[in-house]
C-alpha atoms as a PDB file:
ATOM      1  CA  MET A   1     137.252 -53.469  67.008  1.00  0.00           C
ATOM      2  CA  MET A   2     136.734 -51.177  70.079  1.00  0.00           C
ATOM      3  CA  ARG A   3     136.846 -47.455  69.317  1.00  0.00           C
ATOM      4  CA  ARG A   4     139.324 -45.148  70.987  1.00  0.00           C
ATOM      5  CA  GLN A   5     138.804 -41.425  71.350  1.00  0.00           C
ATOM      6  CA  GLY A   6     141.940 -39.665  70.349  1.00  0.00           C
ATOM      7  CA  ASP A   7     144.014 -37.807  72.992  1.00  0.00           C
ATOM      8  CA  ASN A   8     143.906 -34.022  73.115  1.00  0.00           C
ATOM      9  CA  ILE A   9     147.360 -32.864  74.079  1.00  0.00           C
ATOM     10  CA  GLY A  10     146.124 -29.451  75.131  1.00  0.00           C
ATOM     11  CA  GLN A  11     143.912 -30.823  77.872  1.00  0.00           C
ATOM     12  CA  SER A  12     145.120 -30.297  81.464  1.00  0.00           C
ATOM     13  CA  ALA A  13     144.140 -31.295  84.944  1.00  0.00           C
ATOM     14  CA  ILE A  14     142.571 -27.796  85.405  1.00  0.00           C
ATOM     15  CA  ALA A  15     140.394 -28.170  82.372  1.00  0.00           C
ATOM     16  CA  ARG A  16     139.197 -31.620  83.420  1.00  0.00           C
ATOM     17  CA  VAL A  17     138.298 -30.586  87.080  1.00  0.00           C
ATOM     18  CA  THR A  18     136.589 -27.551  85.685  1.00  0.00           C
ATOM     19  CA  SER A  19     134.554 -29.586  83.246  1.00  0.00           C
ATOM     20  CA  PHE A  20     133.512 -31.902  86.099  1.00  0.00           C
ATOM     21  CA  LEU A  21     132.402 -28.933  88.283  1.00  0.00           C
ATOM     22  CA  ARG A  22     130.419 -27.429  85.394  1.00  0.00           C
ATOM     23  CA  SER A  23     128.642 -30.709  84.649  1.00  0.00           C
ATOM     24  CA  GLU A  24     127.933 -31.454  88.274  1.00  0.00           C
ATOM     25  CA  LEU A  25     127.166 -28.090  89.807  1.00  0.00           C
ATOM     26  CA  HIS A  26     126.000 -25.785  87.051  1.00  0.00           C
ATOM     27  CA  ASP A  27     122.259 -26.012  87.636  1.00  0.00           C
ATOM     28  CA  ASN A  28     121.916 -27.784  91.039  1.00  0.00           C
ATOM     29  CA  ILE A  29     124.690 -26.945  93.445  1.00  0.00           C
ATOM     30  CA  LYS A  30     122.550 -27.636  96.458  1.00  0.00           C
ATOM     31  CA  ALA A  31     121.729 -31.232  95.554  1.00  0.00           C
ATOM     32  CA  ARG A  32     125.052 -32.240  94.176  1.00  0.00           C
ATOM     33  CA  HIS A  33     127.408 -30.164  96.404  1.00  0.00           C
ATOM     34  CA  TYR A  34     128.255 -33.037  98.847  1.00  0.00           C
ATOM     35  CA  PHE A  35     128.608 -35.652  96.021  1.00  0.00           C
ATOM     36  CA  ALA A  36     131.042 -33.348  94.069  1.00  0.00           C
ATOM     37  CA  ILE A  37     133.162 -32.881  97.088  1.00  0.00           C
ATOM     38  CA  ARG A  38     133.397 -36.698  97.860  1.00  0.00           C
ATOM     39  CA  PHE A  39     133.876 -37.702  94.285  1.00  0.00           C
ATOM     40  CA  LEU A  40     136.565 -35.150  93.570  1.00  0.00           C
ATOM     41  CA  ALA A  41     138.547 -36.034  96.719  1.00  0.00           C
ATOM     42  CA  SER A  42     138.219 -39.775  95.904  1.00  0.00           C
ATOM     43  CA  SER A  43     139.383 -39.114  92.335  1.00  0.00           C
ATOM     44  CA  ILE A  44     142.272 -37.101  93.529  1.00  0.00           C
ATOM     45  CA  THR A  45     143.257 -39.913  95.879  1.00  0.00           C
ATOM     46  CA  LEU A  46     142.821 -42.524  93.144  1.00  0.00           C
ATOM     47  CA  HIS A  47     144.873 -40.471  90.726  1.00  0.00           C
ATOM     48  CA  SER A  48     147.683 -40.106  93.187  1.00  0.00           C
ATOM     49  CA  GLN A  49     147.710 -43.800  94.080  1.00  0.00           C
ATOM     50  CA  ARG A  50     148.213 -44.820  90.440  1.00  0.00           C
ATOM     51  CA  GLY A  51     151.785 -43.357  90.429  1.00  0.00           C
ATOM     52  CA  ALA A  52     152.657 -42.540  94.004  1.00  0.00           C
ATOM     53  CA  GLY A  53     154.321 -45.636  95.399  1.00  0.00           C
ATOM     54  CA  ILE A  54     155.381 -45.500  99.075  1.00  0.00           C
ATOM     55  CA  LYS A  55     154.403 -41.774  99.531  1.00  0.00           C
ATOM     56  CA  PHE A  56     150.778 -42.360  98.803  1.00  0.00           C
ATOM     57  CA  CYS A  57     149.244 -42.338 102.277  1.00  0.00           C
ATOM     58  CA  ASN A  58     150.821 -38.965 103.155  1.00  0.00           C
ATOM     59  CA  PRO A  59     148.078 -36.338 102.796  1.00  0.00           C
ATOM     60  CA  ASP A  60     150.657 -33.645 101.963  1.00  0.00           C
ATOM     61  CA  TYR A  61     151.741 -35.730  99.012  1.00  0.00           C
ATOM     62  CA  VAL A  62     148.280 -36.616  97.710  1.00  0.00           C
ATOM     63  CA  TYR A  63     146.788 -33.078  98.089  1.00  0.00           C
ATOM     64  CA  ASP A  64     150.057 -31.196  97.598  1.00  0.00           C
ATOM     65  CA  THR A  65     150.476 -27.578  96.532  1.00  0.00           C
ATOM     66  CA  THR A  66     150.154 -28.448  92.798  1.00  0.00           C
ATOM     67  CA  MET A  67     146.841 -30.310  93.368  1.00  0.00           C
ATOM     68  CA  GLU A  68     145.578 -27.477  95.598  1.00  0.00           C
ATOM     69  CA  ASN A  69     146.274 -24.947  92.978  1.00  0.00           C
ATOM     70  CA  ILE A  70     144.605 -27.100  90.301  1.00  0.00           C
ATOM     71  CA  CYS A  71     141.520 -27.325  92.389  1.00  0.00           C
ATOM     72  CA  ARG A  72     141.520 -23.596  93.249  1.00  0.00           C
ATOM     73  CA  GLU A  73     141.968 -22.509  89.678  1.00  0.00           C
ATOM     74  CA  ALA A  74     139.196 -24.982  88.520  1.00  0.00           C
ATOM     75  CA  VAL A  75     136.809 -23.618  91.064  1.00  0.00           C
ATOM     76  CA  GLU A  76     137.588 -19.981  90.002  1.00  0.00           C
ATOM     77  CA  GLN A  77     136.900 -20.914  86.317  1.00  0.00           C
ATOM     78  CA  PHE A  78     133.765 -22.624  87.346  1.00  0.00           C
ATOM     79  CA  ARG A  79     132.586 -19.573  89.332  1.00  0.00           C
ATOM     80  CA  GLU A  80     133.239 -17.274  86.302  1.00  0.00           C
ATOM     81  CA  ALA A  81     131.847 -19.419  83.381  1.00  0.00           C
ATOM     82  CA  GLY A  82     130.034 -22.358  84.994  1.00  0.00           C
ATOM     83  CA  GLN A  83     128.185 -21.468  88.010  1.00  0.00           C
ATOM     84  CA  GLN A  84     124.355 -20.528  87.326  1.00  0.00           C
ATOM     85  CA  CYS A  85     123.128 -17.330  88.702  1.00  0.00           C
ATOM     86  CA  SER A  86     120.868 -17.992  91.758  1.00  0.00           C
ATOM     87  CA  TYR A  87     118.361 -15.157  90.995  1.00  0.00           C
ATOM     88  CA  LEU A  88     114.801 -16.496  91.150  1.00  0.00           C
ATOM     89  CA  ASP A  89     112.063 -14.377  89.583  1.00  0.00           C
ATOM     90  CA  GLU A  90     109.154 -14.008  91.973  1.00  0.00           C
ATOM     91  CA  LYS A  91     106.446 -13.618  89.193  1.00  0.00           C
ATOM     92  CA  SER A  92     107.369 -16.531  86.901  1.00  0.00           C
ATOM     93  CA  GLY A  93     109.224 -18.700  89.498  1.00  0.00           C
ATOM     94  CA  LEU A  94     111.958 -19.208  86.943  1.00  0.00           C
ATOM     95  CA  GLN A  95     115.660 -19.091  87.914  1.00  0.00           C
ATOM     96  CA  CYS A  96     118.232 -16.975  85.839  1.00  0.00           C
ATOM     97  CA  VAL A  97     120.268 -19.388  83.642  1.00  0.00           C
ATOM     98  CA  ASN A  98     123.191 -17.001  82.952  1.00  0.00           C
ATOM     99  CA  THR A  99     126.663 -17.454  84.333  1.00  0.00           C
ATOM    100  CA  LYS A 100     128.778 -14.524  85.672  1.00  0.00           C
ATOM    101  CA  GLU A 101     130.651 -14.337  82.494  1.00  0.00           C
ATOM    102  CA  GLY A 102     127.493 -14.198  80.392  1.00  0.00           C
ATOM    103  CA  HIS A 103     125.390 -11.896  82.601  1.00  0.00           C
ATOM    104  CA  SER A 104     125.770  -8.717  80.474  1.00  0.00           C
ATOM    105  CA  LYS A 105     121.994  -8.826  79.514  1.00  0.00           C
ATOM    106  CA  GLY A 106     120.786  -9.229  83.156  1.00  0.00           C
ATOM    107  CA  HIS A 107     118.625 -12.113  84.339  1.00  0.00           C
ATOM    108  CA  GLN A 108     117.210 -14.406  81.651  1.00  0.00           C
ATOM    109  CA  ASP A 109     115.125 -17.507  81.619  1.00  0.00           C
ATOM    110  CA  PRO A 110     115.980 -20.733  79.773  1.00  0.00           C
ATOM    111  CA  ARG A 111     114.530 -19.324  76.511  1.00  0.00           C
ATOM    112  CA  GLY A 112     116.573 -16.225  76.712  1.00  0.00           C
ATOM    113  CA  ASN A 113     113.595 -14.130  77.760  1.00  0.00           C
ATOM    114  CA  PHE A 114     114.371 -11.127  79.996  1.00  0.00           C
ATOM    115  CA  LEU A 115     113.416 -11.518  83.656  1.00  0.00           C
ATOM    116  CA  ALA A 116     114.906  -8.509  85.430  1.00  0.00           C
ATOM    117  CA  ASN A 117     117.848  -6.216  85.712  1.00  0.00           C
ATOM    118  CA  GLY A 118     120.518  -6.878  88.335  1.00  0.00           C
ATOM    119  CA  PRO A 119     124.040  -8.257  88.928  1.00  0.00           C
ATOM    120  CA  PHE A 120     124.971 -11.912  89.015  1.00  0.00           C
ATOM    121  CA  ALA A 121     123.731 -13.576  92.179  1.00  0.00           C
ATOM    122  CA  VAL A 122     126.334 -15.847  93.806  1.00  0.00           C
ATOM    123  CA  GLY A 123     124.029 -17.839  95.971  1.00  0.00           C
ATOM    124  CA  ASP A 124     125.259 -20.190  98.737  1.00  0.00           C
ATOM    125  CA  PHE A 125     128.359 -21.624  96.996  1.00  0.00           C
ATOM    126  CA  ASP A 126     131.446 -20.747  99.042  1.00  0.00           C
ATOM    127  CA  ALA A 127     134.690 -21.501  97.202  1.00  0.00           C
ATOM    128  CA  HIS A 128     136.878 -21.449 100.300  1.00  0.00           C
ATOM    129  CA  SER A 129     134.686 -23.886 102.168  1.00  0.00           C
ATOM    130  CA  PHE A 130     134.356 -26.115  99.095  1.00  0.00           C
ATOM    131  CA  LEU A 131     138.154 -26.375  98.747  1.00  0.00           C
ATOM    132  CA  ALA A 132     138.628 -26.910 102.465  1.00  0.00           C
ATOM    133  CA  ALA A 133     136.143 -29.774 102.417  1.00  0.00           C
ATOM    134  CA  ILE A 134     138.014 -31.450  99.525  1.00  0.00           C
ATOM    135  CA  LYS A 135     141.295 -31.437 101.503  1.00  0.00           C
ATOM    136  CA  SER A 136     139.488 -32.780 104.617  1.00  0.00           C
ATOM    137  CA  GLU A 137     137.793 -35.550 102.601  1.00  0.00           C
ATOM    138  CA  VAL A 138     141.156 -36.592 101.089  1.00  0.00           C
ATOM    139  CA  SER A 139     142.624 -36.949 104.622  1.00  0.00           C
ATOM    140  CA  SER A 140     139.588 -39.031 105.699  1.00  0.00           C
ATOM    141  CA  ILE A 141     139.930 -41.368 102.751  1.00  0.00           C
ATOM    142  CA  LEU A 142     143.623 -41.924 103.400  1.00  0.00           C
ATOM    143  CA  GLN A 143     142.957 -42.781 106.996  1.00  0.00           C
ATOM    144  CA  VAL A 144     140.545 -45.564 105.945  1.00  0.00           C
ATOM    145  CA  VAL A 145     142.555 -47.053 103.048  1.00  0.00           C
ATOM    146  CA  SER A 146     145.847 -46.938 105.071  1.00  0.00           C
ATOM    147  CA  LEU A 147     144.323 -49.608 107.319  1.00  0.00           C
ATOM    148  CA  GLU A 148     144.756 -52.077 104.520  1.00  0.00           C
ATOM    149  CA  PRO A 149     147.880 -51.044 102.761  1.00  0.00           C
ATOM    150  CA  SER A 150     147.966 -54.225 100.519  1.00  0.00           C
ATOM    151  CA  ASP A 151     144.538 -53.607  99.147  1.00  0.00           C
ATOM    152  CA  VAL A 152     144.679 -49.759  98.582  1.00  0.00           C
ATOM    153  CA  ALA A 153     144.099 -49.825  94.920  1.00  0.00           C
ATOM    154  CA  ARG A 154     141.147 -52.180  95.021  1.00  0.00           C
ATOM    155  CA  ASN A 155     139.538 -50.311  97.931  1.00  0.00           C
ATOM    156  CA  LEU A 156     139.787 -46.990  96.235  1.00  0.00           C
ATOM    157  CA  VAL A 157     138.070 -48.370  93.053  1.00  0.00           C
ATOM    158  CA  GLN A 158     135.391 -50.011  95.213  1.00  0.00           C
ATOM    159  CA  GLN A 159     134.807 -46.689  96.901  1.00  0.00           C
ATOM    160  CA  GLN A 160     134.550 -44.903  93.634  1.00  0.00           C
ATOM    161  CA  LYS A 161     132.014 -47.472  92.400  1.00  0.00           C
ATOM    162  CA  ALA A 162     130.052 -47.091  95.656  1.00  0.00           C
ATOM    163  CA  LEU A 163     129.914 -43.212  95.129  1.00  0.00           C
ATOM    164  CA  LEU A 164     128.465 -43.660  91.691  1.00  0.00           C
ATOM    165  CA  ARG A 165     125.876 -46.241  92.762  1.00  0.00           C
ATOM    166  CA  ALA A 166     124.768 -44.262  95.876  1.00  0.00           C
ATOM    167  CA  ARG A 167     123.664 -41.190  93.987  1.00  0.00           C
ATOM    168  CA  GLY A 168     120.114 -40.054  94.868  1.00  0.00           C
ATOM    169  CA  PRO A 169     117.558 -39.031  92.280  1.00  0.00           C
ATOM    170  CA  GLY A 170     118.409 -35.327  92.555  1.00  0.00           C
ATOM    171  CA  GLU A 171     122.171 -35.996  92.329  1.00  0.00           C
ATOM    172  CA  HIS A 172     122.357 -37.279  88.917  1.00  0.00           C
ATOM    173  CA  SER A 173     123.932 -34.834  86.451  1.00  0.00           C
ATOM    174  CA  PRO A 174     124.242 -34.553  82.614  1.00  0.00           C
ATOM    175  CA  ARG A 175     127.491 -36.656  83.014  1.00  0.00           C
ATOM    176  CA  THR A 176     125.362 -39.604  84.002  1.00  0.00           C
ATOM    177  CA  GLN A 177     123.370 -39.635  80.774  1.00  0.00           C
ATOM    178  CA  SER A 178     125.919 -38.133  78.412  1.00  0.00           C
ATOM    179  CA  THR A 179     127.240 -40.367  75.611  1.00  0.00           C
ATOM    180  CA  ARG A 180     129.613 -37.894  74.060  1.00  0.00           C
ATOM    181  CA  PRO A 181     133.297 -37.758  75.054  1.00  0.00           C
ATOM    182  CA  GLY A 182     134.327 -34.889  77.215  1.00  0.00           C
ATOM    183  CA  PRO A 183     137.726 -33.590  78.468  1.00  0.00           C
ATOM    184  CA  ASP A 184     137.600 -35.743  81.690  1.00  0.00           C
ATOM    185  CA  CYS A 185     136.962 -39.389  82.413  1.00  0.00           C
ATOM    186  CA  PRO A 186     133.552 -39.719  84.051  1.00  0.00           C
ATOM    187  CA  LEU A 187     134.846 -42.362  86.461  1.00  0.00           C
ATOM    188  CA  CYS A 188     138.014 -40.721  87.719  1.00  0.00           C
ATOM    189  CA  ILE A 189     138.151 -37.100  86.311  1.00  0.00           C
ATOM    190  CA  PHE A 190     141.894 -37.035  85.653  1.00  0.00           C
ATOM    191  CA  GLY A 191     142.157 -39.742  82.929  1.00  0.00           C
ATOM    192  CA  ARG A 192     141.820 -39.198  79.201  1.00  0.00           C
ATOM    193  CA  PRO A 193     138.395 -40.556  77.933  1.00  0.00           C
ATOM    194  CA  GLU A 194     139.792 -42.790  75.186  1.00  0.00           C
ATOM    195  CA  TYR A 195     137.600 -45.961  75.243  1.00  0.00           C
ATOM    196  CA  ALA A 196     133.908 -46.110  74.244  1.00  0.00           C
ATOM    197  CA  LEU A 197     131.713 -48.555  76.230  1.00  0.00           C
ATOM    198  CA  PRO A 198     128.472 -49.976  74.699  1.00  0.00           C
ATOM    199  CA  CYS A 199     126.484 -47.583  76.949  1.00  0.00           C
ATOM    200  CA  GLY A 200     128.178 -44.553  75.145  1.00  0.00           C
ATOM    201  CA  HIS A 201     130.323 -43.421  78.018  1.00  0.00           C
ATOM    202  CA  TYR A 202     134.019 -42.727  77.238  1.00  0.00           C
ATOM    203  CA  ILE A 203     136.505 -43.812  79.957  1.00  0.00           C
ATOM    204  CA  CYS A 204     140.253 -43.779  80.468  1.00  0.00           C
ATOM    205  CA  GLU A 205     142.490 -46.784  80.117  1.00  0.00           C
ATOM    206  CA  HIS A 206     143.097 -47.053  83.850  1.00  0.00           C
ATOM    207  CA  CYS A 207     139.325 -47.195  84.607  1.00  0.00           C
ATOM    208  CA  LEU A 208     138.855 -49.574  81.602  1.00  0.00           C
ATOM    209  CA  VAL A 209     140.915 -52.075  83.562  1.00  0.00           C
ATOM    210  CA  GLU A 210     140.181 -51.108  87.242  1.00  0.00           C
ATOM    211  CA  PHE A 211     136.465 -50.972  86.899  1.00  0.00           C
ATOM    212  CA  SER A 212     136.108 -54.218  84.843  1.00  0.00           C
ATOM    213  CA  GLU A 213     135.101 -57.577  86.015  1.00  0.00           C
ATOM    214  CA  SER A 214     138.373 -59.042  84.920  1.00  0.00           C
ATOM    215  CA  VAL A 215     140.191 -57.994  88.131  1.00  0.00           C
ATOM    216  CA  ASP A 216     140.492 -60.370  90.989  1.00  0.00           C
ATOM    217  CA  GLU A 217     140.316 -59.681  94.747  1.00  0.00           C
ATOM    218  CA  LYS A 218     144.015 -58.780  94.732  1.00  0.00           C
ATOM    219  CA  GLY A 219     143.676 -56.247  91.978  1.00  0.00           C
ATOM    220  CA  ASN A 220     145.319 -58.399  89.294  1.00  0.00           C
ATOM    221  CA  ASP A 221     144.140 -58.446  85.737  1.00  0.00           C
ATOM    222  CA  THR A 222     142.890 -62.045  85.152  1.00  0.00           C
ATOM    223  CA  ALA A 223     142.193 -61.771  81.360  1.00  0.00           C
ATOM    224  CA  LYS A 224     144.705 -62.166  78.542  1.00  0.00           C
ATOM    225  CA  GLY A 225     144.616 -59.201  76.286  1.00  0.00           C
ATOM    226  CA  TYR A 226     141.165 -57.980  77.164  1.00  0.00           C
ATOM    227  CA  VAL A 227     138.903 -57.008  80.058  1.00  0.00           C
ATOM    228  CA  VAL A 228     135.175 -57.608  80.628  1.00  0.00           C
ATOM    229  CA  HIS A 229     132.529 -55.144  81.584  1.00  0.00           C
ATOM    230  CA  LEU A 230     129.049 -56.233  82.615  1.00  0.00           C
ATOM    231  CA  GLY A 231     127.107 -52.975  82.792  1.00  0.00           C
ATOM    232  CA  CYS A 232     127.148 -49.224  82.582  1.00  0.00           C
ATOM    233  CA  PRO A 233     129.478 -47.792  85.296  1.00  0.00           C
ATOM    234  CA  HIS A 234     126.976 -44.949  85.833  1.00  0.00           C
ATOM    235  CA  GLY A 235     123.973 -47.203  85.892  1.00  0.00           C
ATOM    236  CA  PRO A 236     121.160 -45.654  83.952  1.00  0.00           C
ATOM    237  CA  GLN A 237     122.284 -46.400  80.292  1.00  0.00           C
ATOM    238  CA  PRO A 238     121.469 -49.548  78.347  1.00  0.00           C
ATOM    239  CA  PHE A 239     124.464 -51.918  78.099  1.00  0.00           C
ATOM    240  CA  ASP A 240     125.058 -54.824  75.839  1.00  0.00           C
ATOM    241  CA  ALA A 241     126.816 -57.140  78.169  1.00  0.00           C
ATOM    242  CA  PRO A 242     129.162 -58.897  78.438  1.00  0.00           C
ATOM    243  CA  TYR A 243     131.417 -56.565  76.754  1.00  0.00           C
ATOM    244  CA  LYS A 244     135.059 -57.596  76.039  1.00  0.00           C
ATOM    245  CA  ALA A 245     137.443 -54.719  75.558  1.00  0.00           C
ATOM    246  CA  PRO A 246     140.958 -55.421  74.228  1.00  0.00           C
ATOM    247  CA  ILE A 247     143.652 -53.610  76.108  1.00  0.00           C
ATOM    248  CA  ARG A 248     147.292 -52.640  75.252  1.00  0.00           C
ATOM    249  CA  PRO A 249     150.200 -54.435  77.048  1.00  0.00           C
ATOM    250  CA  GLN A 250     151.647 -52.393  79.893  1.00  0.00           C
ATOM    251  CA  SER A 251     154.932 -51.793  78.062  1.00  0.00           C
ATOM    252  CA  SER A 252     153.222 -50.762  74.806  1.00  0.00           C
ATOM    253  CA  GLY A 253     152.999 -47.258  73.461  1.00  0.00           C
ATOM    254  CA  LEU A 254     150.576 -46.094  70.706  1.00  0.00           C
ATOM    255  CA  ARG A 255     150.406 -48.884  68.147  1.00  0.00           C
ATOM    256  CA  MET A 256     149.877 -47.594  64.648  1.00  0.00           C
ATOM    257  CA  LEU A 257     149.688 -49.462  61.316  1.00  0.00           C
ATOM    258  CA  CYS A 258     150.337 -47.408  58.161  1.00  0.00           C
ATOM    259  CA  LEU A 259     149.182 -48.862  54.839  1.00  0.00           C
ATOM    260  CA  ASP A 260     150.494 -47.532  51.505  1.00  0.00           C
ATOM    261  CA  PRO A 261     148.491 -46.990  48.304  1.00  0.00           C
ATOM    262  CA  GLY A 262     149.187 -48.395  44.811  1.00  0.00           C
ATOM    263  CA  GLY A 263     146.595 -50.956  43.502  1.00  0.00           C
ATOM    264  CA  VAL A 264     148.182 -54.366  43.751  1.00  0.00           C
ATOM    265  CA  ARG A 265     150.414 -53.104  46.649  1.00  0.00           C
ATOM    266  CA  GLY A 266     147.346 -53.389  48.785  1.00  0.00           C
ATOM    267  CA  VAL A 267     147.037 -57.077  48.106  1.00  0.00           C
ATOM    268  CA  VAL A 268     150.665 -57.516  48.935  1.00  0.00           C
ATOM    269  CA  GLN A 269     150.114 -55.825  52.322  1.00  0.00           C
ATOM    270  CA  LEU A 270     147.021 -57.889  52.929  1.00  0.00           C
ATOM    271  CA  ILE A 271     148.941 -61.148  52.389  1.00  0.00           C
ATOM    272  CA  THR A 272     151.730 -59.912  54.673  1.00  0.00           C
ATOM    273  CA  LEU A 273     149.362 -59.040  57.487  1.00  0.00           C
ATOM    274  CA  ARG A 274     147.569 -62.381  57.036  1.00  0.00           C
ATOM    275  CA  LYS A 275     150.950 -64.141  57.579  1.00  0.00           C
ATOM    276  CA  ILE A 276     151.713 -62.073  60.557  1.00  0.00           C
ATOM    277  CA  GLU A 277     148.325 -62.822  62.069  1.00  0.00           C
ATOM    278  CA  HIS A 278     148.959 -66.477  61.539  1.00  0.00           C
ATOM    279  CA  LEU A 279     152.472 -66.354  63.106  1.00  0.00           C
ATOM    280  CA  ILE A 280     151.057 -64.522  66.207  1.00  0.00           C
ATOM    281  CA  GLY A 281     148.784 -67.575  66.647  1.00  0.00           C
ATOM    282  CA  LEU A 282     146.353 -66.192  69.186  1.00  0.00           C
ATOM    283  CA  GLY A 283     143.292 -66.451  66.907  1.00  0.00           C
ATOM    284  CA  LEU A 284     142.663 -62.773  67.090  1.00  0.00           C
ATOM    285  CA  PRO A 285     142.097 -60.302  64.066  1.00  0.00           C
ATOM    286  CA  ILE A 286     145.380 -58.456  63.333  1.00  0.00           C
ATOM    287  CA  GLY A 287     143.488 -55.228  63.808  1.00  0.00           C
ATOM    288  CA  GLN A 288     143.197 -55.843  67.593  1.00  0.00           C
ATOM    289  CA  PHE A 289     146.927 -55.365  67.994  1.00  0.00           C
ATOM    290  CA  PHE A 290     146.716 -51.715  66.753  1.00  0.00           C
ATOM    291  CA  ASP A 291     145.152 -48.634  68.150  1.00  0.00           C
ATOM    292  CA  LEU A 292     145.181 -46.641  64.943  1.00  0.00           C
ATOM    293  CA  ILE A 293     145.213 -47.744  61.295  1.00  0.00           C
ATOM    294  CA  VAL A 294     145.857 -45.195  58.639  1.00  0.00           C
ATOM    295  CA  GLY A 295     146.316 -45.278  54.876  1.00  0.00           C
ATOM    296  CA  THR A 296     145.435 -43.735  51.508  1.00  0.00           C
ATOM    297  CA  GLY A 297     143.880 -45.191  48.369  1.00  0.00           C
ATOM    298  CA  THR A 298     143.676 -49.013  48.385  1.00  0.00           C
ATOM    299  CA  GLY A 299     145.955 -48.957  51.403  1.00  0.00           C
ATOM    300  CA  LEU A 300     142.843 -47.794  53.349  1.00  0.00           C
ATOM    301  CA  CYS A 301     139.706 -48.996  51.458  1.00  0.00           C
ATOM    302  CA  TYR A 302     140.705 -52.592  50.884  1.00  0.00           C
ATOM    303  CA  PRO A 303     143.322 -53.851  53.432  1.00  0.00           C
ATOM    304  CA  ALA A 304     141.990 -51.711  56.274  1.00  0.00           C
ATOM    305  CA  ASP A 305     138.541 -53.003  55.991  1.00  0.00           C
ATOM    306  CA  SER A 306     139.952 -56.621  56.067  1.00  0.00           C
ATOM    307  CA  VAL A 307     142.159 -55.653  59.095  1.00  0.00           C
ATOM    308  CA  PHE A 308     139.175 -54.355  61.127  1.00  0.00           C
ATOM    309  CA  GLN A 309     136.906 -57.254  60.191  1.00  0.00           C
ATOM    310  CA  GLY A 310     139.529 -59.945  60.723  1.00  0.00           C
ATOM    311  CA  LEU A 311     141.584 -61.551  58.031  1.00  0.00           C
ATOM    312  CA  ALA A 312     140.310 -64.970  58.963  1.00  0.00           C
ATOM    313  CA  GLY A 313     136.932 -63.994  57.468  1.00  0.00           C
ATOM    314  CA  ARG A 314     138.335 -63.017  53.967  1.00  0.00           C
END
């Protein structure tokens, strides 16, 4: 059964954009600056399209005051606790690794050794220009996708894929190689990273469907209850393809199965679940119809194991 990373209710759009900026720009602003602008603008547009309806192609709707404030706050948080000091020691040739927030001990190398006294060096990063560039890029994207209003969703996903594939050698960041779930989806920033792919990347439910090979040229899901992925969306990680990922019905909320303890009661539950699996009649293990299975005692140890492995193999 596919793993899902639990949702963290306290995460916000600001935290996700900040996480993206820290991962992309922390140690190499110059090389990844342009990619960060384009990818963030594309992610904002994709995020807006997913729930915007007829207002989507209006730049003032996509990059409204709320989104502008989110980006501004995220940039400020990045400047305080994510941006690396640009000081370069002339003798050793090493750059200071401290952020503005952690610069109380002066300039230090990657091992924590003292390099020199001095304040945090901002470097060439201009927050105002960065934010203005994001807004301009959003407008440019909307001008292009509005030419084919019937294929907006598909075109935006294709653009996102193209941005990921076009990264140069110096533009790859820790996000590309990371196999640990972070606060933001590595494919769209704003989604919750719930689903683990074979390459180790955790992506959101929207991207699980939209970036799969189970979507036809009109953007319709052509699979029944699952989608297929043929490779790592970021490219460099090994991938056991094809990978079939079960998905929830659109009208479904969180599907949870709770199993009680009590010795023989576990056997009763197992027989009941086996009957339900037979009545559904799709040939799928009953566990694939639930996102979370919880229980205690035999309610977890015995029936749950059979539910995950498939009752047909009892």
